[in-house]
Amino acid sequence: MLQALEKLVQFVTVKEAQSKQAYEQFRGAVPGVQLPPWEELPGTAMRTWFAVTHAADQRAEVAEGMANLLRAERDDARKECALLREELARTKRELLMPREPTPMDVASTPAEGSA
């Protein structure tokens, strides 16, 4: 998205420069006519300024959105890591606890004297 916006700004800048060059050539071709310089034409400087600032604003919004997504992923990863640590600690405790024989364990051992 950011690259597309940068390409758009570049395209607008190139088109603006080409338009300015064509206008200046036209001004030079008609020396008897008083035409204002490109910068004084209504809207040209404003369009360039708007295109550049609009693209910069959009890049800032995209960057802010990406930062928010990365923060959310970081927070999710922290939560998942904490849960995994808790599960690991619980599993370690369970493995280290002495196991008491269950009725099934008693039933599965061969009875004394039955051999």
PDB file of N, CA and C in Angstrom:
ATOM      1  N   MET A   1       0.828  -1.190   0.000  1.00  0.00           N
ATOM      2  CA  MET A   1       0.000   0.000   0.000  1.00  0.00           C
ATOM      3  C   MET A   1       0.869   1.249   0.000  1.00  0.00           C
ATOM      4  N   LEU A   2       1.879   1.252   0.827  1.00  0.00           N
ATOM      5  CA  LEU A   2       2.769   2.398   0.924  1.00  0.00           C
ATOM      6  C   LEU A   2       3.506   2.612  -0.395  1.00  0.00           C
ATOM      7  N   GLN A   3       3.930   1.525  -1.025  1.00  0.00           N
ATOM      8  CA  GLN A   3       4.623   1.645  -2.307  1.00  0.00           C
ATOM      9  C   GLN A   3       3.693   2.199  -3.375  1.00  0.00           C
ATOM     10  N   ALA A   4       2.442   1.774  -3.357  1.00  0.00           N
ATOM     11  CA  ALA A   4       1.474   2.282  -4.335  1.00  0.00           C
ATOM     12  C   ALA A   4       1.275   3.780  -4.153  1.00  0.00           C
ATOM     13  N   LEU A   5       1.208   4.224  -2.907  1.00  0.00           N
ATOM     14  CA  LEU A   5       1.052   5.653  -2.645  1.00  0.00           C
ATOM     15  C   LEU A   5       2.278   6.438  -3.097  1.00  0.00           C
ATOM     16  N   GLU A   6       3.440   5.888  -2.842  1.00  0.00           N
ATOM     17  CA  GLU A   6       4.660   6.566  -3.273  1.00  0.00           C
ATOM     18  C   GLU A   6       4.724   6.658  -4.792  1.00  0.00           C
ATOM     19  N   LYS A   7       4.294   5.600  -5.482  1.00  0.00           N
ATOM     20  CA  LYS A   7       4.269   5.628  -6.944  1.00  0.00           C
ATOM     21  C   LYS A   7       3.267   6.657  -7.443  1.00  0.00           C
ATOM     22  N   LEU A   8       2.136   6.763  -6.760  1.00  0.00           N
ATOM     23  CA  LEU A   8       1.137   7.759  -7.137  1.00  0.00           C
ATOM     24  C   LEU A   8       1.694   9.169  -6.985  1.00  0.00           C
ATOM     25  N   VAL A   9       2.369   9.436  -5.891  1.00  0.00           N
ATOM     26  CA  VAL A   9       2.975  10.753  -5.677  1.00  0.00           C
ATOM     27  C   VAL A   9       4.017  11.018  -6.761  1.00  0.00           C
ATOM     28  N   GLN A  10       4.815  10.013  -7.067  1.00  0.00           N
ATOM     29  CA  GLN A  10       5.829  10.175  -8.104  1.00  0.00           C
ATOM     30  C   GLN A  10       5.158  10.458  -9.452  1.00  0.00           C
ATOM     31  N   PHE A  11       4.095   9.743  -9.761  1.00  0.00           N
ATOM     32  CA  PHE A  11       3.370   9.946 -11.017  1.00  0.00           C
ATOM     33  C   PHE A  11       2.825  11.372 -11.091  1.00  0.00           C
ATOM     34  N   VAL A  12       2.191  11.831 -10.017  1.00  0.00           N
ATOM     35  CA  VAL A  12       1.635  13.184  -9.997  1.00  0.00           C
ATOM     36  C   VAL A  12       2.746  14.215 -10.152  1.00  0.00           C
ATOM     37  N   THR A  13       3.868  13.986  -9.488  1.00  0.00           N
ATOM     38  CA  THR A  13       4.996  14.918  -9.577  1.00  0.00           C
ATOM     39  C   THR A  13       5.535  14.977 -10.997  1.00  0.00           C
ATOM     40  N   VAL A  14       5.680  13.826 -11.639  1.00  0.00           N
ATOM     41  CA  VAL A  14       6.179  13.787 -13.019  1.00  0.00           C
ATOM     42  C   VAL A  14       5.197  14.484 -13.949  1.00  0.00           C
ATOM     43  N   LYS A  15       3.910  14.186 -13.797  1.00  0.00           N
ATOM     44  CA  LYS A  15       2.896  14.818 -14.647  1.00  0.00           C
ATOM     45  C   LYS A  15       2.876  16.325 -14.434  1.00  0.00           C
ATOM     46  N   GLU A  16       3.018  16.749 -13.209  1.00  0.00           N
ATOM     47  CA  GLU A  16       3.055  18.179 -12.898  1.00  0.00           C
ATOM     48  C   GLU A  16       4.264  18.833 -13.567  1.00  0.00           C
ATOM     49  N   ALA A  17       5.425  18.170 -13.501  1.00  0.00           N
ATOM     50  CA  ALA A  17       6.634  18.712 -14.124  1.00  0.00           C
ATOM     51  C   ALA A  17       6.479  18.770 -15.645  1.00  0.00           C
ATOM     52  N   GLN A  18       5.878  17.736 -16.226  1.00  0.00           N
ATOM     53  CA  GLN A  18       5.656  17.738 -17.670  1.00  0.00           C
ATOM     54  C   GLN A  18       4.693  18.851 -18.077  1.00  0.00           C
ATOM     55  N   SER A  19       3.655  19.049 -17.309  1.00  0.00           N
ATOM     56  CA  SER A  19       2.691  20.108 -17.595  1.00  0.00           C
ATOM     57  C   SER A  19       3.357  21.478 -17.499  1.00  0.00           C
ATOM     58  N   LYS A  20       4.170  21.636 -16.462  1.00  0.00           N
ATOM     59  CA  LYS A  20       4.875  22.919 -16.284  1.00  0.00           C
ATOM     60  C   LYS A  20       5.797  23.181 -17.466  1.00  0.00           C
ATOM     61  N   GLN A  21       6.532  22.165 -17.889  1.00  0.00           N
ATOM     62  CA  GLN A  21       7.443  22.316 -19.016  1.00  0.00           C
ATOM     63  C   GLN A  21       6.675  22.676 -20.290  1.00  0.00           C
ATOM     64  N   ALA A  22       5.555  22.004 -20.543  1.00  0.00           N
ATOM     65  CA  ALA A  22       4.749  22.298 -21.730  1.00  0.00           C
ATOM     66  C   ALA A  22       4.214  23.725 -21.673  1.00  0.00           C
ATOM     67  N   TYR A  23       3.778  24.154 -20.494  1.00  0.00           N
ATOM     68  CA  TYR A  23       3.253  25.510 -20.350  1.00  0.00           C
ATOM     69  C   TYR A  23       4.348  26.543 -20.595  1.00  0.00           C
ATOM     70  N   GLU A  24       5.530  26.308 -20.028  1.00  0.00           N
ATOM     71  CA  GLU A  24       6.634  27.245 -20.213  1.00  0.00           C
ATOM     72  C   GLU A  24       7.060  27.302 -21.675  1.00  0.00           C
ATOM     73  N   GLN A  25       7.014  26.174 -22.376  1.00  0.00           N
ATOM     74  CA  GLN A  25       7.323  26.175 -23.811  1.00  0.00           C
ATOM     75  C   GLN A  25       6.272  26.984 -24.574  1.00  0.00           C
ATOM     76  N   PHE A  26       5.016  26.828 -24.187  1.00  0.00           N
ATOM     77  CA  PHE A  26       3.939  27.594 -24.814  1.00  0.00           C
ATOM     78  C   PHE A  26       4.139  29.087 -24.563  1.00  0.00           C
ATOM     79  N   ARG A  27       4.477  29.463 -23.341  1.00  0.00           N
ATOM     80  CA  ARG A  27       4.736  30.876 -23.012  1.00  0.00           C
ATOM     81  C   ARG A  27       5.870  31.425 -23.873  1.00  0.00           C
ATOM     82  N   GLY A  28       6.907  30.615 -24.058  1.00  0.00           N
ATOM     83  CA  GLY A  28       8.040  31.048 -24.880  1.00  0.00           C
ATOM     84  C   GLY A  28       7.685  31.158 -26.353  1.00  0.00           C
ATOM     85  N   ALA A  29       6.725  30.354 -26.793  1.00  0.00           N
ATOM     86  CA  ALA A  29       6.342  30.355 -28.210  1.00  0.00           C
ATOM     87  C   ALA A  29       5.483  31.561 -28.569  1.00  0.00           C
ATOM     88  N   VAL A  30       4.861  32.191 -27.614  1.00  0.00           N
ATOM     89  CA  VAL A  30       4.015  33.374 -27.865  1.00  0.00           C
ATOM     90  C   VAL A  30       4.546  34.556 -27.062  1.00  0.00           C
ATOM     91  N   PRO A  31       5.641  35.157 -27.524  1.00  0.00           N
ATOM     92  CA  PRO A  31       6.269  36.221 -26.741  1.00  0.00           C
ATOM     93  C   PRO A  31       5.434  37.492 -26.642  1.00  0.00           C
ATOM     94  N   GLY A  32       4.511  37.721 -27.556  1.00  0.00           N
ATOM     95  CA  GLY A  32       3.727  38.951 -27.513  1.00  0.00           C
ATOM     96  C   GLY A  32       2.589  38.896 -26.520  1.00  0.00           C
ATOM     97  N   VAL A  33       2.320  37.744 -25.953  1.00  0.00           N
ATOM     98  CA  VAL A  33       1.187  37.588 -25.038  1.00  0.00           C
ATOM     99  C   VAL A  33       1.728  37.481 -23.606  1.00  0.00           C
ATOM    100  N   GLN A  34       1.121  38.275 -22.709  1.00  0.00           N
ATOM    101  CA  GLN A  34       1.527  38.230 -21.306  1.00  0.00           C
ATOM    102  C   GLN A  34       0.811  37.074 -20.608  1.00  0.00           C
ATOM    103  N   LEU A  35       1.515  35.993 -20.377  1.00  0.00           N
ATOM    104  CA  LEU A  35       0.962  34.858 -19.634  1.00  0.00           C
ATOM    105  C   LEU A  35       1.665  34.777 -18.285  1.00  0.00           C
ATOM    106  N   PRO A  36       0.927  34.475 -17.230  1.00  0.00           N
ATOM    107  CA  PRO A  36       1.567  34.389 -15.902  1.00  0.00           C
ATOM    108  C   PRO A  36       2.489  33.170 -15.836  1.00  0.00           C
ATOM    109  N   PRO A  37       3.498  33.241 -15.000  1.00  0.00           N
ATOM    110  CA  PRO A  37       4.348  32.057 -14.814  1.00  0.00           C
ATOM    111  C   PRO A  37       3.521  30.902 -14.231  1.00  0.00           C
ATOM    112  N   TRP A  38       4.034  29.724 -14.375  1.00  0.00           N
ATOM    113  CA  TRP A  38       3.344  28.498 -13.944  1.00  0.00           C
ATOM    114  C   TRP A  38       2.906  28.574 -12.487  1.00  0.00           C
ATOM    115  N   GLU A  39       3.781  29.084 -11.641  1.00  0.00           N
ATOM    116  CA  GLU A  39       3.494  29.127 -10.213  1.00  0.00           C
ATOM    117  C   GLU A  39       2.316  30.031  -9.879  1.00  0.00           C
ATOM    118  N   GLU A  40       2.052  31.004 -10.747  1.00  0.00           N
ATOM    119  CA  GLU A  40       0.954  31.935 -10.478  1.00  0.00           C
ATOM    120  C   GLU A  40      -0.377  31.477 -11.068  1.00  0.00           C
ATOM    121  N   LEU A  41      -0.371  30.393 -11.801  1.00  0.00           N
ATOM    122  CA  LEU A  41      -1.635  29.870 -12.333  1.00  0.00           C
ATOM    123  C   LEU A  41      -2.488  29.375 -11.173  1.00  0.00           C
ATOM    124  N   PRO A  42      -3.783  29.611 -11.235  1.00  0.00           N
ATOM    125  CA  PRO A  42      -4.633  29.161 -10.126  1.00  0.00           C
ATOM    126  C   PRO A  42      -4.640  27.634 -10.012  1.00  0.00           C
ATOM    127  N   GLY A  43      -4.365  27.176  -8.815  1.00  0.00           N
ATOM    128  CA  GLY A  43      -4.507  25.750  -8.522  1.00  0.00           C
ATOM    129  C   GLY A  43      -3.286  24.893  -8.747  1.00  0.00           C
ATOM    130  N   THR A  44      -2.280  25.336  -9.500  1.00  0.00           N
ATOM    131  CA  THR A  44      -1.170  24.431  -9.793  1.00  0.00           C
ATOM    132  C   THR A  44      -0.331  24.152  -8.553  1.00  0.00           C
ATOM    133  N   ALA A  45       0.078  25.185  -7.867  1.00  0.00           N
ATOM    134  CA  ALA A  45       0.883  24.971  -6.655  1.00  0.00           C
ATOM    135  C   ALA A  45       0.061  24.257  -5.595  1.00  0.00           C
ATOM    136  N   MET A  46      -1.218  24.622  -5.520  1.00  0.00           N
ATOM    137  CA  MET A  46      -2.096  23.985  -4.525  1.00  0.00           C
ATOM    138  C   MET A  46      -2.274  22.504  -4.832  1.00  0.00           C
ATOM    139  N   ARG A  47      -2.417  22.150  -6.112  1.00  0.00           N
ATOM    140  CA  ARG A  47      -2.580  20.734  -6.463  1.00  0.00           C
ATOM    141  C   ARG A  47      -1.335  19.954  -6.092  1.00  0.00           C
ATOM    142  N   THR A  48      -0.173  20.515  -6.393  1.00  0.00           N
ATOM    143  CA  THR A  48       1.076  19.833  -6.048  1.00  0.00           C
ATOM    144  C   THR A  48       1.191  19.677  -4.539  1.00  0.00           C
ATOM    145  N   TRP A  49       0.927  20.764  -3.817  1.00  0.00           N
ATOM    146  CA  TRP A  49       1.009  20.702  -2.357  1.00  0.00           C
ATOM    147  C   TRP A  49       0.026  19.674  -1.815  1.00  0.00           C
ATOM    148  N   PHE A  50      -1.211  19.682  -2.331  1.00  0.00           N
ATOM    149  CA  PHE A  50      -2.218  18.741  -1.853  1.00  0.00           C
ATOM    150  C   PHE A  50      -1.796  17.304  -2.132  1.00  0.00           C
ATOM    151  N   ALA A  51      -1.307  17.045  -3.342  1.00  0.00           N
ATOM    152  CA  ALA A  51      -0.907  15.681  -3.690  1.00  0.00           C
ATOM    153  C   ALA A  51       0.199  15.188  -2.763  1.00  0.00           C
ATOM    154  N   VAL A  52       1.177  16.035  -2.517  1.00  0.00           N
ATOM    155  CA  VAL A  52       2.303  15.629  -1.675  1.00  0.00           C
ATOM    156  C   VAL A  52       1.871  15.456  -0.221  1.00  0.00           C
ATOM    157  N   THR A  53       1.117  16.419   0.316  1.00  0.00           N
ATOM    158  CA  THR A  53       0.712  16.309   1.722  1.00  0.00           C
ATOM    159  C   THR A  53      -0.312  15.197   1.920  1.00  0.00           C
ATOM    160  N   HIS A  54      -1.185  15.012   0.934  1.00  0.00           N
ATOM    161  CA  HIS A  54      -2.168  13.929   1.047  1.00  0.00           C
ATOM    162  C   HIS A  54      -1.457  12.580   1.083  1.00  0.00           C
ATOM    163  N   ALA A  55      -0.485  12.406   0.197  1.00  0.00           N
ATOM    164  CA  ALA A  55       0.273  11.155   0.183  1.00  0.00           C
ATOM    165  C   ALA A  55       1.039  10.979   1.488  1.00  0.00           C
ATOM    166  N   ALA A  56       1.605  12.064   1.998  1.00  0.00           N
ATOM    167  CA  ALA A  56       2.340  11.971   3.274  1.00  0.00           C
ATOM    168  C   ALA A  56       1.391  11.603   4.411  1.00  0.00           C
ATOM    169  N   ASP A  57       0.199  12.203   4.410  1.00  0.00           N
ATOM    170  CA  ASP A  57      -0.786  11.863   5.432  1.00  0.00           C
ATOM    171  C   ASP A  57      -1.178  10.394   5.345  1.00  0.00           C
ATOM    172  N   GLN A  58      -1.381   9.925   4.115  1.00  0.00           N
ATOM    173  CA  GLN A  58      -1.757   8.520   3.940  1.00  0.00           C
ATOM    174  C   GLN A  58      -0.629   7.601   4.386  1.00  0.00           C
ATOM    175  N   ARG A  59       0.614   7.966   4.072  1.00  0.00           N
ATOM    176  CA  ARG A  59       1.742   7.147   4.526  1.00  0.00           C
ATOM    177  C   ARG A  59       1.794   7.122   6.044  1.00  0.00           C
ATOM    178  N   ALA A  60       1.535   8.257   6.673  1.00  0.00           N
ATOM    179  CA  ALA A  60       1.538   8.311   8.138  1.00  0.00           C
ATOM    180  C   ALA A  60       0.425   7.443   8.715  1.00  0.00           C
ATOM    181  N   GLU A  61      -0.752   7.475   8.088  1.00  0.00           N
ATOM    182  CA  GLU A  61      -1.866   6.648   8.566  1.00  0.00           C
ATOM    183  C   GLU A  61      -1.552   5.172   8.394  1.00  0.00           C
ATOM    184  N   VAL A  62      -0.950   4.813   7.257  1.00  0.00           N
ATOM    185  CA  VAL A  62      -0.578   3.418   7.027  1.00  0.00           C
ATOM    186  C   VAL A  62       0.458   2.983   8.051  1.00  0.00           C
ATOM    187  N   ALA A  63       1.448   3.834   8.298  1.00  0.00           N
ATOM    188  CA  ALA A  63       2.487   3.499   9.283  1.00  0.00           C
ATOM    189  C   ALA A  63       1.884   3.340  10.674  1.00  0.00           C
ATOM    190  N   GLU A  64       0.956   4.227  11.024  1.00  0.00           N
ATOM    191  CA  GLU A  64       0.308   4.130  12.335  1.00  0.00           C
ATOM    192  C   GLU A  64      -0.510   2.844  12.442  1.00  0.00           C
ATOM    193  N   GLY A  65      -1.220   2.511  11.369  1.00  0.00           N
ATOM    194  CA  GLY A  65      -1.993   1.269  11.354  1.00  0.00           C
ATOM    195  C   GLY A  65      -1.102   0.048  11.497  1.00  0.00           C
ATOM    196  N   MET A  66       0.024   0.063  10.791  1.00  0.00           N
ATOM    197  CA  MET A  66       0.955  -1.058  10.890  1.00  0.00           C
ATOM    198  C   MET A  66       1.539  -1.152  12.292  1.00  0.00           C
ATOM    199  N   ALA A  67       1.856  -0.009  12.879  1.00  0.00           N
ATOM    200  CA  ALA A  67       2.383  -0.009  14.246  1.00  0.00           C
ATOM    201  C   ALA A  67       1.348  -0.582  15.217  1.00  0.00           C
ATOM    202  N   ASN A  68       0.088  -0.209  15.030  1.00  0.00           N
ATOM    203  CA  ASN A  68      -0.972  -0.743  15.893  1.00  0.00           C
ATOM    204  C   ASN A  68      -1.112  -2.247  15.726  1.00  0.00           C
ATOM    205  N   LEU A  69      -1.029  -2.733  14.475  1.00  0.00           N
ATOM    206  CA  LEU A  69      -1.099  -4.173  14.245  1.00  0.00           C
ATOM    207  C   LEU A  69       0.071  -4.888  14.905  1.00  0.00           C
ATOM    208  N   LEU A  70       1.255  -4.314  14.786  1.00  0.00           N
ATOM    209  CA  LEU A  70       2.431  -4.932  15.409  1.00  0.00           C
ATOM    210  C   LEU A  70       2.308  -4.935  16.927  1.00  0.00           C
ATOM    211  N   ARG A  71       1.763  -3.860  17.496  1.00  0.00           N
ATOM    212  CA  ARG A  71       1.540  -3.830  18.950  1.00  0.00           C
ATOM    213  C   ARG A  71       0.566  -4.921  19.361  1.00  0.00           C
ATOM    214  N   ALA A  72      -0.514  -5.075  18.595  1.00  0.00           N
ATOM    215  CA  ALA A  72      -1.505  -6.104  18.916  1.00  0.00           C
ATOM    216  C   ALA A  72      -0.884  -7.496  18.816  1.00  0.00           C
ATOM    217  N   GLU A  73      -0.075  -7.730  17.775  1.00  0.00           N
ATOM    218  CA  GLU A  73       0.594  -9.024  17.645  1.00  0.00           C
ATOM    219  C   GLU A  73       1.560  -9.255  18.798  1.00  0.00           C
ATOM    220  N   ARG A  74       2.274  -8.203  19.199  1.00  0.00           N
ATOM    221  CA  ARG A  74       3.203  -8.315  20.329  1.00  0.00           C
ATOM    222  C   ARG A  74       2.449  -8.674  21.594  1.00  0.00           C
ATOM    223  N   ASP A  75       1.323  -7.982  21.837  1.00  0.00           N
ATOM    224  CA  ASP A  75       0.537  -8.254  23.043  1.00  0.00           C
ATOM    225  C   ASP A  75      -0.023  -9.670  23.017  1.00  0.00           C
ATOM    226  N   ASP A  76      -0.503 -10.109  21.850  1.00  0.00           N
ATOM    227  CA  ASP A  76      -1.002 -11.479  21.731  1.00  0.00           C
ATOM    228  C   ASP A  76       0.109 -12.494  21.988  1.00  0.00           C
ATOM    229  N   ALA A  77       1.296 -12.211  21.453  1.00  0.00           N
ATOM    230  CA  ALA A  77       2.430 -13.118  21.658  1.00  0.00           C
ATOM    231  C   ALA A  77       2.807 -13.170  23.137  1.00  0.00           C
ATOM    232  N   ARG A  78       2.757 -12.027  23.818  1.00  0.00           N
ATOM    233  CA  ARG A  78       3.065 -12.011  25.256  1.00  0.00           C
ATOM    234  C   ARG A  78       2.059 -12.854  26.034  1.00  0.00           C
ATOM    235  N   LYS A  79       0.777 -12.690  25.690  1.00  0.00           N
ATOM    236  CA  LYS A  79      -0.259 -13.476  26.379  1.00  0.00           C
ATOM    237  C   LYS A  79      -0.063 -14.964  26.125  1.00  0.00           C
ATOM    238  N   GLU A  80       0.197 -15.323  24.872  1.00  0.00           N
ATOM    239  CA  GLU A  80       0.396 -16.727  24.536  1.00  0.00           C
ATOM    240  C   GLU A  80       1.625 -17.289  25.236  1.00  0.00           C
ATOM    241  N   CYS A  81       2.676 -16.488  25.302  1.00  0.00           N
ATOM    242  CA  CYS A  81       3.899 -16.919  25.986  1.00  0.00           C
ATOM    243  C   CYS A  81       3.624 -17.147  27.473  1.00  0.00           C
ATOM    244  N   ALA A  82       2.866 -16.251  28.092  1.00  0.00           N
ATOM    245  CA  ALA A  82       2.530 -16.404  29.517  1.00  0.00           C
ATOM    246  C   ALA A  82       1.708 -17.671  29.728  1.00  0.00           C
ATOM    247  N   LEU A  83       0.745 -17.925  28.845  1.00  0.00           N
ATOM    248  CA  LEU A  83      -0.059 -19.145  28.967  1.00  0.00           C
ATOM    249  C   LEU A  83       0.805 -20.391  28.809  1.00  0.00           C
ATOM    250  N   LEU A  84       1.720 -20.364  27.856  1.00  0.00           N
ATOM    251  CA  LEU A  84       2.600 -21.516  27.653  1.00  0.00           C
ATOM    252  C   LEU A  84       3.516 -21.730  28.855  1.00  0.00           C
ATOM    253  N   ARG A  85       3.990 -20.645  29.449  1.00  0.00           N
ATOM    254  CA  ARG A  85       4.834 -20.773  30.654  1.00  0.00           C
ATOM    255  C   ARG A  85       4.045 -21.398  31.797  1.00  0.00           C
ATOM    256  N   GLU A  86       2.794 -20.952  31.962  1.00  0.00           N
ATOM    257  CA  GLU A  86       1.942 -21.521  33.011  1.00  0.00           C
ATOM    258  C   GLU A  86       1.711 -23.008  32.763  1.00  0.00           C
ATOM    259  N   GLU A  87       1.443 -23.348  31.516  1.00  0.00           N
ATOM    260  CA  GLU A  87       1.193 -24.754  31.182  1.00  0.00           C
ATOM    261  C   GLU A  87       2.447 -25.595  31.407  1.00  0.00           C
ATOM    262  N   LEU A  88       3.609 -25.051  31.050  1.00  0.00           N
ATOM    263  CA  LEU A  88       4.862 -25.758  31.267  1.00  0.00           C
ATOM    264  C   LEU A  88       5.110 -25.965  32.760  1.00  0.00           C
ATOM    265  N   ALA A  89       4.884 -24.927  33.554  1.00  0.00           N
ATOM    266  CA  ALA A  89       5.082 -25.049  35.003  1.00  0.00           C
ATOM    267  C   ALA A  89       4.125 -26.093  35.586  1.00  0.00           C
ATOM    268  N   ARG A  90       2.860 -26.084  35.144  1.00  0.00           N
ATOM    269  CA  ARG A  90       1.881 -27.058  35.628  1.00  0.00           C
ATOM    270  C   ARG A  90       2.297 -28.480  35.241  1.00  0.00           C
ATOM    271  N   THR A  91       2.773 -28.637  34.018  1.00  0.00           N
ATOM    272  CA  THR A  91       3.202 -29.959  33.559  1.00  0.00           C
ATOM    273  C   THR A  91       4.414 -30.436  34.352  1.00  0.00           C
ATOM    274  N   LYS A  92       5.353 -29.542  34.621  1.00  0.00           N
ATOM    275  CA  LYS A  92       6.525 -29.916  35.432  1.00  0.00           C
ATOM    276  C   LYS A  92       6.099 -30.355  36.820  1.00  0.00           C
ATOM    277  N   ARG A  93       5.160 -29.589  37.413  1.00  0.00           N
ATOM    278  CA  ARG A  93       4.682 -29.968  38.758  1.00  0.00           C
ATOM    279  C   ARG A  93       4.031 -31.338  38.727  1.00  0.00           C
ATOM    280  N   GLU A  94       3.236 -31.596  37.700  1.00  0.00           N
ATOM    281  CA  GLU A  94       2.553 -32.888  37.597  1.00  0.00           C
ATOM    282  C   GLU A  94       3.554 -34.024  37.421  1.00  0.00           C
ATOM    283  N   LEU A  95       4.605 -33.781  36.646  1.00  0.00           N
ATOM    284  CA  LEU A  95       5.595 -34.827  36.422  1.00  0.00           C
ATOM    285  C   LEU A  95       6.431 -35.106  37.665  1.00  0.00           C
ATOM    286  N   LEU A  96       6.654 -34.059  38.464  1.00  0.00           N
ATOM    287  CA  LEU A  96       7.487 -34.231  39.649  1.00  0.00           C
ATOM    288  C   LEU A  96       6.718 -34.725  40.866  1.00  0.00           C
ATOM    289  N   MET A  97       5.386 -34.697  40.809  1.00  0.00           N
ATOM    290  CA  MET A  97       4.582 -35.183  41.936  1.00  0.00           C
ATOM    291  C   MET A  97       4.703 -36.697  42.038  1.00  0.00           C
ATOM    292  N   PRO A  98       4.862 -37.185  43.278  1.00  0.00           N
ATOM    293  CA  PRO A  98       4.865 -38.652  43.418  1.00  0.00           C
ATOM    294  C   PRO A  98       3.470 -39.183  43.104  1.00  0.00           C
ATOM    295  N   ARG A  99       3.440 -40.205  42.331  1.00  0.00           N
ATOM    296  CA  ARG A  99       2.162 -40.769  41.914  1.00  0.00           C
ATOM    297  C   ARG A  99       1.684 -41.798  42.923  1.00  0.00           C
ATOM    298  N   GLU A 100       0.454 -41.656  43.304  1.00  0.00           N
ATOM    299  CA  GLU A 100      -0.127 -42.650  44.211  1.00  0.00           C
ATOM    300  C   GLU A 100      -0.752 -43.739  43.357  1.00  0.00           C
ATOM    301  N   PRO A 101      -0.635 -44.967  43.812  1.00  0.00           N
ATOM    302  CA  PRO A 101      -1.230 -46.059  43.022  1.00  0.00           C
ATOM    303  C   PRO A 101      -2.748 -45.923  42.991  1.00  0.00           C
ATOM    304  N   THR A 102      -3.294 -46.164  41.849  1.00  0.00           N
ATOM    305  CA  THR A 102      -4.749 -46.090  41.667  1.00  0.00           C
ATOM    306  C   THR A 102      -5.307 -47.499  41.761  1.00  0.00           C
ATOM    307  N   PRO A 103      -6.615 -47.642  41.919  1.00  0.00           N
ATOM    308  CA  PRO A 103      -7.203 -48.987  41.963  1.00  0.00           C
ATOM    309  C   PRO A 103      -6.881 -49.794  40.711  1.00  0.00           C
ATOM    310  N   MET A 104      -6.733 -49.133  39.583  1.00  0.00           N
ATOM    311  CA  MET A 104      -6.394 -49.835  38.343  1.00  0.00           C
ATOM    312  C   MET A 104      -4.979 -50.390  38.424  1.00  0.00           C
ATOM    313  N   ASP A 105      -4.054 -49.612  39.053  1.00  0.00           N
ATOM    314  CA  ASP A 105      -2.685 -50.089  39.206  1.00  0.00           C
ATOM    315  C   ASP A 105      -2.651 -51.328  40.085  1.00  0.00           C
ATOM    316  N   VAL A 106      -3.457 -51.339  41.145  1.00  0.00           N
ATOM    317  CA  VAL A 106      -3.491 -52.480  42.074  1.00  0.00           C
ATOM    318  C   VAL A 106      -4.060 -53.684  41.362  1.00  0.00           C
ATOM    319  N   ALA A 107      -5.087 -53.478  40.556  1.00  0.00           N
ATOM    320  CA  ALA A 107      -5.733 -54.600  39.867  1.00  0.00           C
ATOM    321  C   ALA A 107      -4.810 -55.181  38.781  1.00  0.00           C
ATOM    322  N   SER A 108      -3.975 -54.388  38.224  1.00  0.00           N
ATOM    323  CA  SER A 108      -3.136 -54.868  37.141  1.00  0.00           C
ATOM    324  C   SER A 108      -1.880 -55.590  37.629  1.00  0.00           C
ATOM    325  N   THR A 109      -1.566 -55.473  38.937  1.00  0.00           N
ATOM    326  CA  THR A 109      -0.385 -56.198  39.453  1.00  0.00           C
ATOM    327  C   THR A 109      -0.794 -57.617  39.738  1.00  0.00           C
ATOM    328  N   PRO A 110       0.089 -58.564  39.487  1.00  0.00           N
ATOM    329  CA  PRO A 110      -0.282 -59.972  39.747  1.00  0.00           C
ATOM    330  C   PRO A 110      -0.475 -60.199  41.248  1.00  0.00           C
ATOM    331  N   ALA A 111      -1.478 -60.924  41.580  1.00  0.00           N
ATOM    332  CA  ALA A 111      -1.799 -61.214  42.976  1.00  0.00           C
ATOM    333  C   ALA A 111      -0.715 -62.119  43.550  1.00  0.00           C
ATOM    334  N   GLU A 112      -0.436 -61.874  44.822  1.00  0.00           N
ATOM    335  CA  GLU A 112       0.581 -62.684  45.473  1.00  0.00           C
ATOM    336  C   GLU A 112       0.068 -64.116  45.612  1.00  0.00           C
ATOM    337  N   GLY A 113       0.929 -65.033  45.369  1.00  0.00           N
ATOM    338  CA  GLY A 113       0.603 -66.429  45.537  1.00  0.00           C
ATOM    339  C   GLY A 113      -0.098 -67.010  44.329  1.00  0.00           C
ATOM    340  N   SER A 114      -0.283 -66.291  43.305  1.00  0.00           N
ATOM    341  CA  SER A 114      -0.939 -66.854  42.129  1.00  0.00           C
ATOM    342  C   SER A 114       0.103 -67.128  41.061  1.00  0.00           C
ATOM    343  N   ALA A 115       0.933 -67.937  41.327  1.00  0.00           N
ATOM    344  CA  ALA A 115       1.898 -68.301  40.307  1.00  0.00           C
ATOM    345  C   ALA A 115       2.108 -69.768  40.274  1.00  0.00           C
TER     346      ALA A 115
END
